[in-house]
């Protein structure tokens, strides 16, 4: 919910693109398909691609940091 409020109120993003960006940030492709079906458009993919790539890189690099910190 924090991501939705921040994206809508602070960044003033389009809700459809915001939902795609959130599903990319959570790295869930199934959520992208659900958002695309609900929107009846492929517009959410615009927000999904960049956030998915950044999240995968951060997960790869920060995984060992979390393991060694505990």
PDB file of N, CA and C in Angstrom:
ATOM      1  N   UNK A   1       0.814  -1.186   0.000  1.00  0.00           N
ATOM      2  CA  UNK A   1       0.000   0.000   0.000  1.00  0.00           C
ATOM      3  C   UNK A   1       0.866   1.262   0.000  1.00  0.00           C
ATOM      4  N   UNK A   2       2.031   1.174   0.634  1.00  0.00           N
ATOM      5  CA  UNK A   2       2.929   2.334   0.669  1.00  0.00           C
ATOM      6  C   UNK A   2       3.393   2.667  -0.745  1.00  0.00           C
ATOM      7  N   UNK A   3       3.704   1.637  -1.539  1.00  0.00           N
ATOM      8  CA  UNK A   3       4.139   1.883  -2.913  1.00  0.00           C
ATOM      9  C   UNK A   3       3.033   2.533  -3.739  1.00  0.00           C
ATOM     10  N   UNK A   4       1.810   2.120  -3.530  1.00  0.00           N
ATOM     11  CA  UNK A   4       0.695   2.686  -4.284  1.00  0.00           C
ATOM     12  C   UNK A   4       0.508   4.162  -3.925  1.00  0.00           C
ATOM     13  N   UNK A   5       0.494   4.468  -2.634  1.00  0.00           N
ATOM     14  CA  UNK A   5       0.312   5.867  -2.228  1.00  0.00           C
ATOM     15  C   UNK A   5       1.473   6.735  -2.673  1.00  0.00           C
ATOM     16  N   UNK A   6       2.695   6.236  -2.541  1.00  0.00           N
ATOM     17  CA  UNK A   6       3.863   7.006  -2.956  1.00  0.00           C
ATOM     18  C   UNK A   6       3.846   7.249  -4.470  1.00  0.00           C
ATOM     19  N   UNK A   7       3.548   6.216  -5.222  1.00  0.00           N
ATOM     20  CA  UNK A   7       3.504   6.347  -6.683  1.00  0.00           C
ATOM     21  C   UNK A   7       2.415   7.287  -7.166  1.00  0.00           C
ATOM     22  N   UNK A   8       1.248   7.215  -6.548  1.00  0.00           N
ATOM     23  CA  UNK A   8       0.128   8.060  -6.991  1.00  0.00           C
ATOM     24  C   UNK A   8       0.251   9.496  -6.498  1.00  0.00           C
ATOM     25  N   UNK A   9       0.589   9.691  -5.225  1.00  0.00           N
ATOM     26  CA  UNK A   9       0.553  11.023  -4.643  1.00  0.00           C
ATOM     27  C   UNK A   9       1.854  11.798  -4.838  1.00  0.00           C
ATOM     28  N   UNK A  10       2.992  11.138  -4.705  1.00  0.00           N
ATOM     29  CA  UNK A  10       4.274  11.839  -4.800  1.00  0.00           C
ATOM     30  C   UNK A  10       4.784  11.854  -6.236  1.00  0.00           C
ATOM     31  N   UNK A  11       4.826  10.686  -6.865  1.00  0.00           N
ATOM     32  CA  UNK A  11       5.360  10.595  -8.227  1.00  0.00           C
ATOM     33  C   UNK A  11       4.316  10.912  -9.295  1.00  0.00           C
ATOM     34  N   UNK A  12       3.051  10.889  -8.918  1.00  0.00           N
ATOM     35  CA  UNK A  12       1.940  11.170  -9.834  1.00  0.00           C
ATOM     36  C   UNK A  12       1.974  10.282 -11.090  1.00  0.00           C
ATOM     37  N   UNK A  13       2.156   8.974 -10.849  1.00  0.00           N
ATOM     38  CA  UNK A  13       2.218   7.998 -11.934  1.00  0.00           C
ATOM     39  C   UNK A  13       0.822   7.571 -12.354  1.00  0.00           C
ATOM     40  N   UNK A  14       0.723   7.135 -13.588  1.00  0.00           N
ATOM     41  CA  UNK A  14      -0.492   6.539 -14.114  1.00  0.00           C
ATOM     42  C   UNK A  14      -0.749   5.243 -13.333  1.00  0.00           C
ATOM     43  N   UNK A  15      -1.977   4.999 -12.868  1.00  0.00           N
ATOM     44  CA  UNK A  15      -2.229   3.804 -12.054  1.00  0.00           C
ATOM     45  C   UNK A  15      -1.933   2.489 -12.765  1.00  0.00           C
ATOM     46  N   UNK A  16      -2.154   2.430 -14.058  1.00  0.00           N
ATOM     47  CA  UNK A  16      -1.896   1.187 -14.789  1.00  0.00           C
ATOM     48  C   UNK A  16      -0.396   0.915 -14.859  1.00  0.00           C
ATOM     49  N   UNK A  17       0.383   1.926 -15.151  1.00  0.00           N
ATOM     50  CA  UNK A  17       1.836   1.757 -15.202  1.00  0.00           C
ATOM     51  C   UNK A  17       2.383   1.506 -13.799  1.00  0.00           C
ATOM     52  N   UNK A  18       1.799   2.136 -12.805  1.00  0.00           N
ATOM     53  CA  UNK A  18       2.217   1.932 -11.421  1.00  0.00           C
ATOM     54  C   UNK A  18       2.005   0.485 -10.986  1.00  0.00           C
ATOM     55  N   UNK A  19       0.887  -0.095 -11.347  1.00  0.00           N
ATOM     56  CA  UNK A  19       0.638  -1.505 -11.006  1.00  0.00           C
ATOM     57  C   UNK A  19       1.640  -2.421 -11.696  1.00  0.00           C
ATOM     58  N   UNK A  20       1.997  -2.108 -12.930  1.00  0.00           N
ATOM     59  CA  UNK A  20       3.027  -2.885 -13.621  1.00  0.00           C
ATOM     60  C   UNK A  20       4.384  -2.728 -12.956  1.00  0.00           C
ATOM     61  N   UNK A  21       4.705  -1.522 -12.508  1.00  0.00           N
ATOM     62  CA  UNK A  21       5.985  -1.285 -11.839  1.00  0.00           C
ATOM     63  C   UNK A  21       6.046  -2.010 -10.501  1.00  0.00           C
ATOM     64  N   UNK A  22       4.950  -2.034  -9.781  1.00  0.00           N
ATOM     65  CA  UNK A  22       4.936  -2.735  -8.497  1.00  0.00           C
ATOM     66  C   UNK A  22       5.087  -4.239  -8.703  1.00  0.00           C
ATOM     67  N   UNK A  23       4.437  -4.791  -9.700  1.00  0.00           N
ATOM     68  CA  UNK A  23       4.598  -6.226  -9.955  1.00  0.00           C
ATOM     69  C   UNK A  23       6.008  -6.546 -10.431  1.00  0.00           C
ATOM     70  N   UNK A  24       6.641  -5.639 -11.151  1.00  0.00           N
ATOM     71  CA  UNK A  24       8.037  -5.848 -11.528  1.00  0.00           C
ATOM     72  C   UNK A  24       8.962  -5.739 -10.345  1.00  0.00           C
ATOM     73  N   UNK A  25       8.664  -4.814  -9.442  1.00  0.00           N
ATOM     74  CA  UNK A  25       9.472  -4.652  -8.250  1.00  0.00           C
ATOM     75  C   UNK A  25       9.408  -5.896  -7.365  1.00  0.00           C
ATOM     76  N   UNK A  26       8.254  -6.522  -7.326  1.00  0.00           N
ATOM     77  CA  UNK A  26       8.096  -7.750  -6.547  1.00  0.00           C
ATOM     78  C   UNK A  26       8.513  -8.986  -7.335  1.00  0.00           C
ATOM     79  N   UNK A  27       8.931  -8.805  -8.563  1.00  0.00           N
ATOM     80  CA  UNK A  27       9.380  -9.849  -9.500  1.00  0.00           C
ATOM     81  C   UNK A  27       8.346 -10.974  -9.646  1.00  0.00           C
ATOM     82  N   UNK A  28       7.094 -10.591  -9.812  1.00  0.00           N
ATOM     83  CA  UNK A  28       6.032 -11.574 -10.014  1.00  0.00           C
ATOM     84  C   UNK A  28       5.404 -11.380 -11.387  1.00  0.00           C
ATOM     85  N   UNK A  29       5.720 -12.291 -12.278  1.00  0.00           N
ATOM     86  CA  UNK A  29       5.186 -12.221 -13.626  1.00  0.00           C
ATOM     87  C   UNK A  29       3.691 -12.514 -13.645  1.00  0.00           C
ATOM     88  N   UNK A  30       3.238 -13.354 -12.729  1.00  0.00           N
ATOM     89  CA  UNK A  30       1.808 -13.668 -12.671  1.00  0.00           C
ATOM     90  C   UNK A  30       0.992 -12.416 -12.365  1.00  0.00           C
ATOM     91  N   UNK A  31       1.523 -11.541 -11.526  1.00  0.00           N
ATOM     92  CA  UNK A  31       0.817 -10.291 -11.218  1.00  0.00           C
ATOM     93  C   UNK A  31       0.744  -9.403 -12.455  1.00  0.00           C
ATOM     94  N   UNK A  32       1.790  -9.414 -13.271  1.00  0.00           N
ATOM     95  CA  UNK A  32       1.769  -8.625 -14.501  1.00  0.00           C
ATOM     96  C   UNK A  32       0.668  -9.110 -15.430  1.00  0.00           C
ATOM     97  N   UNK A  33       0.511 -10.427 -15.552  1.00  0.00           N
ATOM     98  CA  UNK A  33      -0.546 -10.972 -16.399  1.00  0.00           C
ATOM     99  C   UNK A  33      -1.924 -10.572 -15.868  1.00  0.00           C
ATOM    100  N   UNK A  34      -2.084 -10.587 -14.558  1.00  0.00           N
ATOM    101  CA  UNK A  34      -3.369 -10.196 -13.963  1.00  0.00           C
ATOM    102  C   UNK A  34      -3.665  -8.726 -14.205  1.00  0.00           C
ATOM    103  N   UNK A  35      -2.650  -7.884 -14.045  1.00  0.00           N
ATOM    104  CA  UNK A  35      -2.842  -6.450 -14.273  1.00  0.00           C
ATOM    105  C   UNK A  35      -3.138  -6.189 -15.744  1.00  0.00           C
ATOM    106  N   UNK A  36      -2.443  -6.879 -16.632  1.00  0.00           N
ATOM    107  CA  UNK A  36      -2.689  -6.707 -18.070  1.00  0.00           C
ATOM    108  C   UNK A  36      -4.098  -7.152 -18.447  1.00  0.00           C
ATOM    109  N   UNK A  37      -4.556  -8.249 -17.850  1.00  0.00           N
ATOM    110  CA  UNK A  37      -5.923  -8.706 -18.121  1.00  0.00           C
ATOM    111  C   UNK A  37      -6.952  -7.720 -17.590  1.00  0.00           C
ATOM    112  N   UNK A  38      -6.724  -7.194 -16.403  1.00  0.00           N
ATOM    113  CA  UNK A  38      -7.671  -6.242 -15.821  1.00  0.00           C
ATOM    114  C   UNK A  38      -7.717  -4.941 -16.617  1.00  0.00           C
ATOM    115  N   UNK A  39      -6.553  -4.520 -17.112  1.00  0.00           N
ATOM    116  CA  UNK A  39      -6.488  -3.279 -17.883  1.00  0.00           C
ATOM    117  C   UNK A  39      -6.907  -3.483 -19.335  1.00  0.00           C
ATOM    118  N   UNK A  40      -6.978  -4.734 -19.765  1.00  0.00           N
ATOM    119  CA  UNK A  40      -7.272  -5.086 -21.157  1.00  0.00           C
ATOM    120  C   UNK A  40      -6.328  -4.364 -22.110  1.00  0.00           C
ATOM    121  N   UNK A  41      -5.056  -4.326 -21.714  1.00  0.00           N
ATOM    122  CA  UNK A  41      -4.034  -3.619 -22.479  1.00  0.00           C
ATOM    123  C   UNK A  41      -2.670  -4.160 -22.065  1.00  0.00           C
ATOM    124  N   UNK A  42      -1.670  -3.888 -22.884  1.00  0.00           N
ATOM    125  CA  UNK A  42      -0.303  -4.283 -22.525  1.00  0.00           C
ATOM    126  C   UNK A  42       0.479  -3.101 -21.950  1.00  0.00           C
ATOM    127  N   UNK A  43      -0.201  -2.043 -21.571  1.00  0.00           N
ATOM    128  CA  UNK A  43       0.441  -0.852 -21.017  1.00  0.00           C
ATOM    129  C   UNK A  43       1.209  -1.125 -19.725  1.00  0.00           C
ATOM    130  N   UNK A  44       0.767  -2.000 -18.809  1.00  0.00           N
ATOM    131  CA  UNK A  44       1.526  -2.235 -17.577  1.00  0.00           C
ATOM    132  C   UNK A  44       2.945  -2.745 -17.810  1.00  0.00           C
ATOM    133  N   UNK A  45       3.202  -3.284 -18.981  1.00  0.00           N
ATOM    134  CA  UNK A  45       4.543  -3.786 -19.284  1.00  0.00           C
ATOM    135  C   UNK A  45       5.562  -2.647 -19.286  1.00  0.00           C
ATOM    136  N   UNK A  46       5.120  -1.433 -19.586  1.00  0.00           N
ATOM    137  CA  UNK A  46       6.027  -0.287 -19.587  1.00  0.00           C
ATOM    138  C   UNK A  46       6.640  -0.056 -18.212  1.00  0.00           C
ATOM    139  N   UNK A  47       5.868  -0.234 -17.164  1.00  0.00           N
ATOM    140  CA  UNK A  47       6.394  -0.067 -15.818  1.00  0.00           C
ATOM    141  C   UNK A  47       7.104  -1.299 -15.302  1.00  0.00           C
ATOM    142  N   UNK A  48       6.772  -2.443 -15.847  1.00  0.00           N
ATOM    143  CA  UNK A  48       7.307  -3.716 -15.356  1.00  0.00           C
ATOM    144  C   UNK A  48       8.768  -3.922 -15.728  1.00  0.00           C
ATOM    145  N   UNK A  49       9.152  -3.578 -16.941  1.00  0.00           N
ATOM    146  CA  UNK A  49      10.450  -3.991 -17.463  1.00  0.00           C
ATOM    147  C   UNK A  49      11.623  -3.439 -16.668  1.00  0.00           C
ATOM    148  N   UNK A  50      11.644  -2.153 -16.432  1.00  0.00           N
ATOM    149  CA  UNK A  50      12.786  -1.544 -15.742  1.00  0.00           C
ATOM    150  C   UNK A  50      12.827  -1.962 -14.281  1.00  0.00           C
ATOM    151  N   UNK A  51      11.686  -1.947 -13.617  1.00  0.00           N
ATOM    152  CA  UNK A  51      11.690  -2.317 -12.201  1.00  0.00           C
ATOM    153  C   UNK A  51      12.034  -3.792 -12.003  1.00  0.00           C
ATOM    154  N   UNK A  52      11.647  -4.653 -12.926  1.00  0.00           N
ATOM    155  CA  UNK A  52      12.001  -6.070 -12.839  1.00  0.00           C
ATOM    156  C   UNK A  52      13.505  -6.258 -12.984  1.00  0.00           C
ATOM    157  N   UNK A  53      14.117  -5.578 -13.936  1.00  0.00           N
ATOM    158  CA  UNK A  53      15.561  -5.710 -14.149  1.00  0.00           C
ATOM    159  C   UNK A  53      16.345  -5.198 -12.943  1.00  0.00           C
ATOM    160  N   UNK A  54      15.952  -4.052 -12.417  1.00  0.00           N
ATOM    161  CA  UNK A  54      16.656  -3.491 -11.261  1.00  0.00           C
ATOM    162  C   UNK A  54      16.480  -4.389 -10.041  1.00  0.00           C
ATOM    163  N   UNK A  55      15.295  -4.911  -9.832  1.00  0.00           N
ATOM    164  CA  UNK A  55      15.056  -5.780  -8.683  1.00  0.00           C
ATOM    165  C   UNK A  55      15.861  -7.060  -8.765  1.00  0.00           C
ATOM    166  N   UNK A  56      15.980  -7.639  -9.944  1.00  0.00           N
ATOM    167  CA  UNK A  56      16.779  -8.860 -10.077  1.00  0.00           C
ATOM    168  C   UNK A  56      18.254  -8.599  -9.808  1.00  0.00           C
ATOM    169  N   UNK A  57      18.774  -7.478 -10.250  1.00  0.00           N
ATOM    170  CA  UNK A  57      20.176  -7.151  -9.985  1.00  0.00           C
ATOM    171  C   UNK A  57      20.380  -6.925  -8.492  1.00  0.00           C
ATOM    172  N   UNK A  58      19.478  -6.194  -7.857  1.00  0.00           N
ATOM    173  CA  UNK A  58      19.615  -5.947  -6.424  1.00  0.00           C
ATOM    174  C   UNK A  58      19.470  -7.227  -5.608  1.00  0.00           C
ATOM    175  N   UNK A  59      18.557  -8.106  -6.003  1.00  0.00           N
ATOM    176  CA  UNK A  59      18.421  -9.382  -5.301  1.00  0.00           C
ATOM    177  C   UNK A  59      19.696 -10.205  -5.400  1.00  0.00           C
ATOM    178  N   UNK A  60      20.342 -10.168  -6.546  1.00  0.00           N
ATOM    179  CA  UNK A  60      21.568 -10.939  -6.743  1.00  0.00           C
ATOM    180  C   UNK A  60      22.717 -10.387  -5.899  1.00  0.00           C
ATOM    181  N   UNK A  61      22.856  -9.080  -5.873  1.00  0.00           N
ATOM    182  CA  UNK A  61      23.981  -8.484  -5.150  1.00  0.00           C
ATOM    183  C   UNK A  61      23.744  -8.385  -3.647  1.00  0.00           C
ATOM    184  N   UNK A  62      22.528  -8.174  -3.227  1.00  0.00           N
ATOM    185  CA  UNK A  62      22.253  -7.991  -1.816  1.00  0.00           C
ATOM    186  C   UNK A  62      21.960  -9.297  -1.080  1.00  0.00           C
ATOM    187  N   UNK A  63      21.765 -10.389  -1.799  1.00  0.00           N
ATOM    188  CA  UNK A  63      21.527 -11.684  -1.160  1.00  0.00           C
ATOM    189  C   UNK A  63      22.658 -12.099  -0.243  1.00  0.00           C
ATOM    190  N   UNK A  64      23.908 -12.109  -0.717  1.00  0.00           N
ATOM    191  CA  UNK A  64      25.022 -12.469   0.180  1.00  0.00           C
ATOM    192  C   UNK A  64      25.196 -11.491   1.343  1.00  0.00           C
ATOM    193  N   UNK A  65      24.885 -10.234   1.138  1.00  0.00           N
ATOM    194  CA  UNK A  65      24.998  -9.254   2.223  1.00  0.00           C
ATOM    195  C   UNK A  65      24.039  -9.595   3.353  1.00  0.00           C
ATOM    196  N   UNK A  66      22.827  -9.962   2.999  1.00  0.00           N
ATOM    197  CA  UNK A  66      21.841 -10.336   4.006  1.00  0.00           C
ATOM    198  C   UNK A  66      22.259 -11.615   4.713  1.00  0.00           C
ATOM    199  N   UNK A  67      22.781 -12.586   3.984  1.00  0.00           N
ATOM    200  CA  UNK A  67      23.189 -13.857   4.578  1.00  0.00           C
ATOM    201  C   UNK A  67      24.348 -13.659   5.540  1.00  0.00           C
ATOM    202  N   UNK A  68      25.335 -12.866   5.167  1.00  0.00           N
ATOM    203  CA  UNK A  68      26.504 -12.679   6.020  1.00  0.00           C
ATOM    204  C   UNK A  68      26.235 -11.709   7.167  1.00  0.00           C
ATOM    205  N   UNK A  69      25.208 -10.891   7.053  1.00  0.00           N
ATOM    206  CA  UNK A  69      24.881  -9.948   8.128  1.00  0.00           C
ATOM    207  C   UNK A  69      24.172 -10.639   9.294  1.00  0.00           C
ATOM    208  N   UNK A  70      23.560 -11.772   9.006  1.00  0.00           N
ATOM    209  CA  UNK A  70      22.796 -12.454  10.060  1.00  0.00           C
ATOM    210  C   UNK A  70      23.636 -13.406  10.801  1.00  0.00           C
TER     211      UNK A  70
END
